[in-house]
Amino acid sequence: MLYSHLLHPYTLWLWHALRKLLSPCMRIHQTSEATKVYTHLTGEGVKPDARTYSLLVDAHLIKRDPKSATAVIDDMINAGFEPSKETLKNLRRRCLRELDYKKDAQVESLAKNFQIRMGS
C-alpha cells in the first residue's frame, strides 16, 4: 500500500479485513467462498489492492483453474495494478501443468508488456 497514509482509516481496515477473510478460504481450498467474499465486499464499495488480486489468483491456482486466474489478472490490470513476477510465474507454471498453451502464451505476452523476464 504505497499511499496508505492518504487513505481513510476505515478503507484501510476494510482492505485488511478482506485479506484476512480470503487467506483462510485459500488454505482450505474454498475458492468459491473467497470469490463470494470478494464479490460482496466490492459490491459494498471496497476497492481491492494488488495484494488482494494476487490472493484471488493464488486461490484459483490452488484449485487448478488457470482460466479463472487469468480472468482475475485481467481485472487486476483493468483496475490499474501491475501483476508481480511471482504471480505471473505461478500462473504460467499452472498453465503448463494443465497443458493450456493458449493461456501460457497470454501470460508470456503480459510479461512482455510489463517488461518482466520470466525465464524458460
C-alpha atoms as a PDB file:
ATOM      1  CA  MET A   1       0.000   0.000   0.000  1.00  0.00           C
ATOM      2  CA  LEU A   2       2.043   2.826  -1.361  1.00  0.00           C
ATOM      3  CA  TYR A   3      -0.366   5.622  -0.466  1.00  0.00           C
ATOM      4  CA  SER A   4      -1.816   4.130   2.681  1.00  0.00           C
ATOM      5  CA  HIS A   5      -1.223   7.328   4.661  1.00  0.00           C
ATOM      6  CA  LEU A   6      -3.551   9.235   2.288  1.00  0.00           C
ATOM      7  CA  LEU A   7      -6.495   6.886   2.619  1.00  0.00           C
ATOM      8  CA  HIS A   8      -9.274   6.958   5.136  1.00  0.00           C
ATOM      9  CA  PRO A   9      -8.605   4.611   8.093  1.00  0.00           C
ATOM     10  CA  TYR A  10     -11.910   2.800   7.516  1.00  0.00           C
ATOM     11  CA  THR A  11     -10.868   1.966   3.933  1.00  0.00           C
ATOM     12  CA  LEU A  12      -7.556   0.577   5.172  1.00  0.00           C
ATOM     13  CA  TRP A  13      -9.359  -1.534   7.750  1.00  0.00           C
ATOM     14  CA  LEU A  14     -11.651  -2.969   5.054  1.00  0.00           C
ATOM     15  CA  TRP A  15      -8.669  -3.932   2.884  1.00  0.00           C
ATOM     16  CA  HIS A  16      -7.044  -5.740   5.777  1.00  0.00           C
ATOM     17  CA  ALA A  17     -10.338  -7.423   6.660  1.00  0.00           C
ATOM     18  CA  LEU A  18     -10.764  -8.555   3.052  1.00  0.00           C
ATOM     19  CA  ARG A  19      -7.327 -10.160   3.045  1.00  0.00           C
ATOM     20  CA  LYS A  20      -7.939 -11.778   6.423  1.00  0.00           C
ATOM     21  CA  LEU A  21     -11.128 -13.339   5.069  1.00  0.00           C
ATOM     22  CA  LEU A  22      -9.558 -14.504   1.807  1.00  0.00           C
ATOM     23  CA  SER A  23      -6.477 -16.150   3.286  1.00  0.00           C
ATOM     24  CA  PRO A  24      -8.282 -18.886   5.274  1.00  0.00           C
ATOM     25  CA  CYS A  25     -10.521 -19.600   2.281  1.00  0.00           C
ATOM     26  CA  MET A  26      -7.422 -20.270   0.216  1.00  0.00           C
ATOM     27  CA  ARG A  27      -5.876 -22.542   2.812  1.00  0.00           C
ATOM     28  CA  ILE A  28      -8.900 -24.819   2.908  1.00  0.00           C
ATOM     29  CA  HIS A  29      -9.396 -24.732  -0.878  1.00  0.00           C
ATOM     30  CA  GLN A  30     -12.651 -22.782  -0.773  1.00  0.00           C
ATOM     31  CA  THR A  31     -12.228 -20.715  -3.918  1.00  0.00           C
ATOM     32  CA  SER A  32     -15.971 -20.233  -4.295  1.00  0.00           C
ATOM     33  CA  GLU A  33     -16.171 -18.790  -0.781  1.00  0.00           C
ATOM     34  CA  ALA A  34     -13.210 -16.489  -1.469  1.00  0.00           C
ATOM     35  CA  THR A  35     -14.910 -15.273  -4.631  1.00  0.00           C
ATOM     36  CA  LYS A  36     -18.158 -14.658  -2.727  1.00  0.00           C
ATOM     37  CA  VAL A  37     -16.317 -12.612  -0.083  1.00  0.00           C
ATOM     38  CA  TYR A  38     -14.569 -10.617  -2.803  1.00  0.00           C
ATOM     39  CA  THR A  39     -17.817 -10.015  -4.720  1.00  0.00           C
ATOM     40  CA  HIS A  40     -19.682  -8.969  -1.582  1.00  0.00           C
ATOM     41  CA  LEU A  41     -17.060  -6.503  -0.430  1.00  0.00           C
ATOM     42  CA  THR A  42     -16.543  -4.963  -3.865  1.00  0.00           C
ATOM     43  CA  GLY A  43     -20.326  -4.622  -4.053  1.00  0.00           C
ATOM     44  CA  GLU A  44     -20.141  -2.674  -0.808  1.00  0.00           C
ATOM     45  CA  GLY A  45     -17.696  -0.253  -2.413  1.00  0.00           C
ATOM     46  CA  VAL A  46     -14.392  -1.639  -1.152  1.00  0.00           C
ATOM     47  CA  LYS A  47     -11.761  -1.289  -3.855  1.00  0.00           C
ATOM     48  CA  PRO A  48      -9.216  -4.132  -3.754  1.00  0.00           C
ATOM     49  CA  ASP A  49      -5.494  -3.560  -3.983  1.00  0.00           C
ATOM     50  CA  ALA A  50      -2.806  -5.544  -5.822  1.00  0.00           C
ATOM     51  CA  ARG A  51      -2.276  -7.949  -2.905  1.00  0.00           C
ATOM     52  CA  THR A  52      -5.973  -8.832  -2.827  1.00  0.00           C
ATOM     53  CA  TYR A  53      -5.934  -9.621  -6.544  1.00  0.00           C
ATOM     54  CA  SER A  54      -2.833 -11.770  -6.033  1.00  0.00           C
ATOM     55  CA  LEU A  55      -4.616 -13.710  -3.287  1.00  0.00           C
ATOM     56  CA  LEU A  56      -7.527 -14.373  -5.623  1.00  0.00           C
ATOM     57  CA  VAL A  57      -5.188 -15.555  -8.374  1.00  0.00           C
ATOM     58  CA  ASP A  58      -3.496 -17.896  -5.900  1.00  0.00           C
ATOM     59  CA  ALA A  59      -6.886 -19.228  -4.799  1.00  0.00           C
ATOM     60  CA  HIS A  60      -7.775 -20.128  -8.385  1.00  0.00           C
ATOM     61  CA  LEU A  61      -4.359 -21.670  -8.983  1.00  0.00           C
ATOM     62  CA  ILE A  62      -4.783 -23.885  -5.916  1.00  0.00           C
ATOM     63  CA  LYS A  63      -7.996 -25.212  -7.492  1.00  0.00           C
ATOM     64  CA  ARG A  64      -6.077 -25.765 -10.783  1.00  0.00           C
ATOM     65  CA  ASP A  65      -8.167 -23.232 -12.688  1.00  0.00           C
ATOM     66  CA  PRO A  66      -5.847 -21.137 -14.893  1.00  0.00           C
ATOM     67  CA  LYS A  67      -8.788 -19.724 -16.860  1.00  0.00           C
ATOM     68  CA  SER A  68     -10.290 -18.022 -13.785  1.00  0.00           C
ATOM     69  CA  ALA A  69      -6.849 -16.942 -12.589  1.00  0.00           C
ATOM     70  CA  THR A  70      -6.216 -15.274 -15.950  1.00  0.00           C
ATOM     71  CA  ALA A  71      -9.574 -13.511 -15.693  1.00  0.00           C
ATOM     72  CA  VAL A  72      -8.570 -12.127 -12.266  1.00  0.00           C
ATOM     73  CA  ILE A  73      -5.239 -10.953 -13.742  1.00  0.00           C
ATOM     74  CA  ASP A  74      -7.201  -9.142 -16.474  1.00  0.00           C
ATOM     75  CA  ASP A  75      -9.400  -7.500 -13.818  1.00  0.00           C
ATOM     76  CA  MET A  76      -6.265  -6.527 -11.916  1.00  0.00           C
ATOM     77  CA  ILE A  77      -4.780  -4.845 -14.980  1.00  0.00           C
ATOM     78  CA  ASN A  78      -8.072  -3.088 -15.758  1.00  0.00           C
ATOM     79  CA  ALA A  79      -8.104  -1.756 -12.182  1.00  0.00           C
ATOM     80  CA  GLY A  80      -4.685  -0.201 -12.783  1.00  0.00           C
ATOM     81  CA  PHE A  81      -2.439  -2.642 -10.936  1.00  0.00           C
ATOM     82  CA  GLU A  82       0.575  -4.487 -12.286  1.00  0.00           C
ATOM     83  CA  PRO A  83       0.855  -8.221 -11.594  1.00  0.00           C
ATOM     84  CA  SER A  84       4.007  -9.303  -9.813  1.00  0.00           C
ATOM     85  CA  LYS A  85       6.609 -11.557 -11.351  1.00  0.00           C
ATOM     86  CA  GLU A  86       5.810 -14.244  -8.784  1.00  0.00           C
ATOM     87  CA  THR A  87       2.105 -14.205  -9.656  1.00  0.00           C
ATOM     88  CA  LEU A  88       2.791 -14.468 -13.378  1.00  0.00           C
ATOM     89  CA  LYS A  89       5.309 -17.280 -12.844  1.00  0.00           C
ATOM     90  CA  ASN A  90       2.825 -19.251 -10.743  1.00  0.00           C
ATOM     91  CA  LEU A  91       0.135 -18.765 -13.375  1.00  0.00           C
ATOM     92  CA  ARG A  92       2.480 -19.798 -16.165  1.00  0.00           C
ATOM     93  CA  ARG A  93       3.542 -22.909 -14.239  1.00  0.00           C
ATOM     94  CA  ARG A  94      -0.101 -23.910 -13.742  1.00  0.00           C
ATOM     95  CA  CYS A  95      -0.869 -23.325 -17.449  1.00  0.00           C
ATOM     96  CA  LEU A  96       1.997 -25.591 -18.445  1.00  0.00           C
ATOM     97  CA  ARG A  97       0.945 -28.297 -15.979  1.00  0.00           C
ATOM     98  CA  GLU A  98      -2.614 -28.182 -17.320  1.00  0.00           C
ATOM     99  CA  LEU A  99      -1.269 -28.202 -20.921  1.00  0.00           C
ATOM    100  CA  ASP A 100      -3.079 -24.924 -21.633  1.00  0.00           C
ATOM    101  CA  TYR A 101      -0.667 -23.452 -24.154  1.00  0.00           C
ATOM    102  CA  LYS A 102      -3.050 -20.699 -25.229  1.00  0.00           C
ATOM    103  CA  LYS A 103      -3.179 -19.238 -21.706  1.00  0.00           C
ATOM    104  CA  ASP A 104       0.587 -19.741 -21.414  1.00  0.00           C
ATOM    105  CA  ALA A 105       1.092 -17.576 -24.497  1.00  0.00           C
ATOM    106  CA  GLN A 106      -1.236 -14.978 -22.977  1.00  0.00           C
ATOM    107  CA  VAL A 107       0.802 -14.913 -19.754  1.00  0.00           C
ATOM    108  CA  GLU A 108       4.008 -14.574 -21.796  1.00  0.00           C
ATOM    109  CA  SER A 109       2.597 -11.582 -23.671  1.00  0.00           C
ATOM    110  CA  LEU A 110       1.524  -9.979 -20.368  1.00  0.00           C
ATOM    111  CA  ALA A 111       5.029 -10.435 -19.011  1.00  0.00           C
ATOM    112  CA  LYS A 112       6.489  -8.811 -22.124  1.00  0.00           C
ATOM    113  CA  ASN A 113       4.046  -5.894 -21.851  1.00  0.00           C
ATOM    114  CA  PHE A 114       5.118  -5.258 -18.260  1.00  0.00           C
ATOM    115  CA  GLN A 115       8.789  -5.958 -19.083  1.00  0.00           C
ATOM    116  CA  ILE A 116       9.011  -8.904 -16.692  1.00  0.00           C
ATOM    117  CA  ARG A 117      11.603 -11.551 -17.519  1.00  0.00           C
ATOM    118  CA  MET A 118      10.000 -14.928 -16.999  1.00  0.00           C
ATOM    119  CA  GLY A 119      12.806 -17.279 -17.906  1.00  0.00           C
ATOM    120  CA  SER A 120      12.221 -20.660 -19.500  1.00  0.00           C
END
